[in-house]
Protein backbone atom coordinates (compact mmCIF):
# COMPACT_ATOMS: atom_id res chain seq x y z
CA UNK A 1 -1.72 68.89 -162.63
CA UNK A 2 -2.73 68.55 -158.98
CA UNK A 3 -5.83 66.58 -158.06
CA UNK A 4 -8.77 68.67 -156.78
CA UNK A 5 -9.19 68.71 -152.88
CA UNK A 6 -11.19 65.83 -151.41
CA UNK A 7 -14.72 66.58 -151.09
CA UNK A 8 -15.99 67.36 -147.39
CA UNK A 9 -18.98 65.34 -146.23
CA UNK A 10 -21.40 67.58 -144.78
CA UNK A 11 -22.84 64.99 -142.50
CA UNK A 12 -21.28 62.21 -140.48
CA UNK A 13 -21.75 58.63 -141.90
CA UNK A 14 -24.59 56.44 -140.18
CA UNK A 15 -23.97 54.89 -136.96
CA UNK A 16 -23.72 51.00 -136.89
CA UNK A 17 -27.48 51.05 -135.80
CA UNK A 18 -28.65 53.08 -138.86
CA UNK A 19 -26.49 51.13 -141.54
CA UNK A 20 -29.35 48.60 -142.01
CA UNK A 21 -31.72 51.47 -142.79
CA UNK A 22 -29.14 53.45 -144.92
CA UNK A 23 -29.26 56.22 -142.30
CA UNK A 24 -30.03 57.02 -138.63
CA UNK A 25 -33.34 58.89 -139.09
CA UNK A 26 -35.20 55.73 -139.78
CA UNK A 27 -33.67 53.84 -136.99
CA UNK A 28 -34.44 56.79 -134.69
CA UNK A 29 -38.11 57.02 -135.76
CA UNK A 30 -38.49 53.03 -135.32
CA UNK A 31 -36.82 53.29 -131.80
CA UNK A 32 -39.08 56.04 -130.67
CA UNK A 33 -42.20 54.27 -132.14
CA UNK A 34 -41.14 50.99 -130.40
CA UNK A 35 -41.35 52.68 -127.08
CA UNK A 36 -45.11 53.61 -127.43
CA UNK A 37 -46.52 51.07 -129.63
CA UNK A 38 -50.14 52.17 -128.78
CA UNK A 39 -50.02 55.85 -128.90
CA UNK A 40 -50.78 58.29 -131.64
CA UNK A 41 -48.47 61.18 -132.54
CA UNK A 42 -48.04 64.07 -134.90
CA UNK A 43 -44.80 64.72 -137.00
CA UNK A 44 -43.97 67.54 -134.87
CA UNK A 45 -44.02 65.55 -131.69
CA UNK A 46 -42.07 62.73 -133.22
CA UNK A 47 -39.36 64.94 -134.79
CA UNK A 48 -39.02 66.54 -131.45
CA UNK A 49 -38.41 63.20 -129.77
CA UNK A 50 -35.70 62.32 -132.05
CA UNK A 51 -34.15 65.86 -132.44
CA UNK A 52 -34.88 65.88 -136.37
CA UNK A 53 -36.66 68.45 -138.43
CA UNK A 54 -40.26 67.78 -139.22
CA UNK A 55 -39.58 67.68 -142.88
CA UNK A 56 -37.04 65.12 -142.55
CA UNK A 57 -39.20 63.17 -140.15
CA UNK A 58 -42.32 63.40 -142.39
CA UNK A 59 -40.29 61.72 -145.11
CA UNK A 60 -39.74 58.69 -142.78
CA UNK A 61 -43.17 58.54 -141.80
CA UNK A 62 -44.15 58.71 -145.46
CA UNK A 63 -41.97 55.30 -146.11
CA UNK A 64 -43.50 53.75 -143.05
CA UNK A 65 -47.06 54.57 -144.43
CA UNK A 66 -46.06 53.16 -147.91
CA UNK A 67 -44.97 49.91 -146.16
CA UNK A 68 -48.40 49.98 -144.17
CA UNK A 69 -46.65 50.12 -140.85
CA UNK A 70 -48.26 53.38 -140.02
CA UNK A 71 -51.45 55.08 -140.91
CA UNK A 72 -53.14 58.68 -140.53
CA UNK A 73 -55.75 58.22 -138.07
CA UNK A 74 -57.34 61.63 -138.20
CA UNK A 75 -56.69 65.34 -138.76
CA UNK A 76 -56.91 67.97 -136.24
CA UNK A 77 -57.41 71.20 -138.58
CA UNK A 78 -54.03 70.89 -140.63
CA UNK A 79 -52.36 68.55 -138.13
CA UNK A 80 -52.12 64.84 -139.29
CA UNK A 81 -52.23 62.32 -136.50
CA UNK A 82 -50.76 58.93 -137.08
CA UNK A 83 -50.65 55.64 -135.37
CA UNK A 84 -49.23 52.14 -135.91
CA UNK A 85 -51.08 49.48 -137.93
CA UNK A 86 -51.33 46.13 -136.40
CA UNK A 87 -49.47 44.06 -138.99
CA UNK A 88 -46.70 41.51 -138.80
CA UNK A 89 -44.35 43.78 -140.57
CA UNK A 90 -45.03 46.44 -137.82
CA UNK A 91 -44.22 44.12 -135.12
CA UNK A 92 -41.18 43.02 -136.76
CA UNK A 93 -39.75 46.41 -137.57
CA UNK A 94 -40.38 47.74 -133.98
CA UNK A 95 -38.38 44.65 -132.73
CA UNK A 96 -35.32 45.55 -134.66
CA UNK A 97 -34.03 48.51 -132.52
CA UNK A 98 -34.04 46.58 -129.46
CA UNK A 99 -32.39 43.71 -131.33
CA UNK A 100 -29.86 46.22 -132.67
CA UNK A 101 -29.26 47.67 -129.23
CA UNK A 102 -28.57 44.19 -127.63
CA UNK A 103 -26.03 43.12 -130.56
CA UNK A 104 -24.35 46.51 -131.21
CA UNK A 105 -24.75 48.41 -127.77
CA UNK A 106 -26.46 51.65 -126.75
CA UNK A 107 -27.09 53.75 -129.76
CA UNK A 108 -25.38 57.10 -130.00
CA UNK A 109 -26.14 59.55 -132.60
CA UNK A 110 -23.19 60.49 -134.84
């Protein structure tokens, strides 16, 4: 009996930068947020900046809300507007992308 063909992976493995987070999306979110730490943003704005879908970006935002790194600051009709929370964890997490670039080199999306 012949073995079944190897399954094809639908997406590439994470970059070296994304390995620490289990994938590139969270790394990309943190890298983008670290560029503008004082600004407010919507899911769609962040998704466009990192070239991800709003649904995927929303899942990453929800993780960061759970850790008290982000918070919803207001709503404009149905649009939620987020900002960083001033916590020690926020500062440390937003320093990670720069540290990873210094150690691993420039990030390249797989």
